[in-house]
Amino acid sequence: MQNTEPKFGFNTFAETWNGRLAMLGFVIGLATEFLTGQGILSQIGLM
């Protein structure tokens, strides 16, 4: 049986990994803000 799910676009595999990476990025952003005492915008020089 062949896999008929598309390789690009909105599919279960892509959306699962997108969600996981978004959660990871959010946690890393919060941890960085906690450790440095500065917000994200301050860290990159916008404030």
C-alpha atoms as a PDB file:
ATOM      1  CA  MET A   1       0.000   0.000   0.000  1.00  0.00           C
ATOM      2  CA  GLN A   2       1.379   3.388  -0.961  1.00  0.00           C
ATOM      3  CA  ASN A   3       1.263   6.521   1.138  1.00  0.00           C
ATOM      4  CA  THR A   4      -1.183   8.878  -0.574  1.00  0.00           C
ATOM      5  CA  GLU A   5      -0.730  11.784   1.849  1.00  0.00           C
ATOM      6  CA  PRO A   6       0.763  14.857   0.135  1.00  0.00           C
ATOM      7  CA  LYS A   7       4.383  15.750   0.872  1.00  0.00           C
ATOM      8  CA  PHE A   8       3.710  19.510   0.967  1.00  0.00           C
ATOM      9  CA  GLY A   9       1.004  21.743   2.376  1.00  0.00           C
ATOM     10  CA  PHE A  10      -1.277  21.195   5.317  1.00  0.00           C
ATOM     11  CA  ASN A  11      -0.994  17.583   6.390  1.00  0.00           C
ATOM     12  CA  THR A  12      -0.881  15.833   9.741  1.00  0.00           C
ATOM     13  CA  PHE A  13       2.884  15.268   9.781  1.00  0.00           C
ATOM     14  CA  ALA A  14       3.742  18.880   8.935  1.00  0.00           C
ATOM     15  CA  GLU A  15       1.231  20.335  11.379  1.00  0.00           C
ATOM     16  CA  THR A  16       2.434  18.077  14.204  1.00  0.00           C
ATOM     17  CA  TRP A  17       6.047  19.176  13.758  1.00  0.00           C
ATOM     18  CA  ASN A  18       5.028  22.813  13.315  1.00  0.00           C
ATOM     19  CA  GLY A  19       3.217  22.704  16.655  1.00  0.00           C
ATOM     20  CA  ARG A  20       6.100  20.991  18.435  1.00  0.00           C
ATOM     21  CA  LEU A  21       8.664  23.470  17.144  1.00  0.00           C
ATOM     22  CA  ALA A  22       6.417  26.427  18.002  1.00  0.00           C
ATOM     23  CA  MET A  23       6.066  25.179  21.583  1.00  0.00           C
ATOM     24  CA  LEU A  24       9.823  24.645  21.820  1.00  0.00           C
ATOM     25  CA  GLY A  25      10.519  28.155  20.540  1.00  0.00           C
ATOM     26  CA  PHE A  26       8.051  29.652  23.012  1.00  0.00           C
ATOM     27  CA  VAL A  27       9.659  27.847  25.959  1.00  0.00           C
ATOM     28  CA  ILE A  28      13.158  28.875  24.835  1.00  0.00           C
ATOM     29  CA  GLY A  29      11.980  32.491  24.526  1.00  0.00           C
ATOM     30  CA  LEU A  30      10.507  32.448  28.027  1.00  0.00           C
ATOM     31  CA  ALA A  31      13.637  30.838  29.492  1.00  0.00           C
ATOM     32  CA  THR A  32      15.884  33.397  27.793  1.00  0.00           C
ATOM     33  CA  GLU A  33      13.741  36.241  29.087  1.00  0.00           C
ATOM     34  CA  PHE A  34      13.821  34.791  32.600  1.00  0.00           C
ATOM     35  CA  LEU A  35      17.603  34.263  32.589  1.00  0.00           C
ATOM     36  CA  THR A  36      18.550  37.658  31.138  1.00  0.00           C
ATOM     37  CA  GLY A  37      15.859  39.794  32.777  1.00  0.00           C
ATOM     38  CA  GLN A  38      15.167  41.495  29.437  1.00  0.00           C
ATOM     39  CA  GLY A  39      12.306  41.043  27.031  1.00  0.00           C
ATOM     40  CA  ILE A  40      12.782  39.653  23.547  1.00  0.00           C
ATOM     41  CA  LEU A  41      12.573  43.097  21.936  1.00  0.00           C
ATOM     42  CA  SER A  42      15.196  44.488  24.313  1.00  0.00           C
ATOM     43  CA  GLN A  43      17.524  41.623  23.551  1.00  0.00           C
ATOM     44  CA  ILE A  44      17.481  42.280  19.821  1.00  0.00           C
ATOM     45  CA  GLY A  45      17.819  46.045  20.296  1.00  0.00           C
ATOM     46  CA  LEU A  46      14.353  47.271  19.322  1.00  0.00           C
ATOM     47  CA  MET A  47      13.573  48.823  22.710  1.00  0.00           C
END
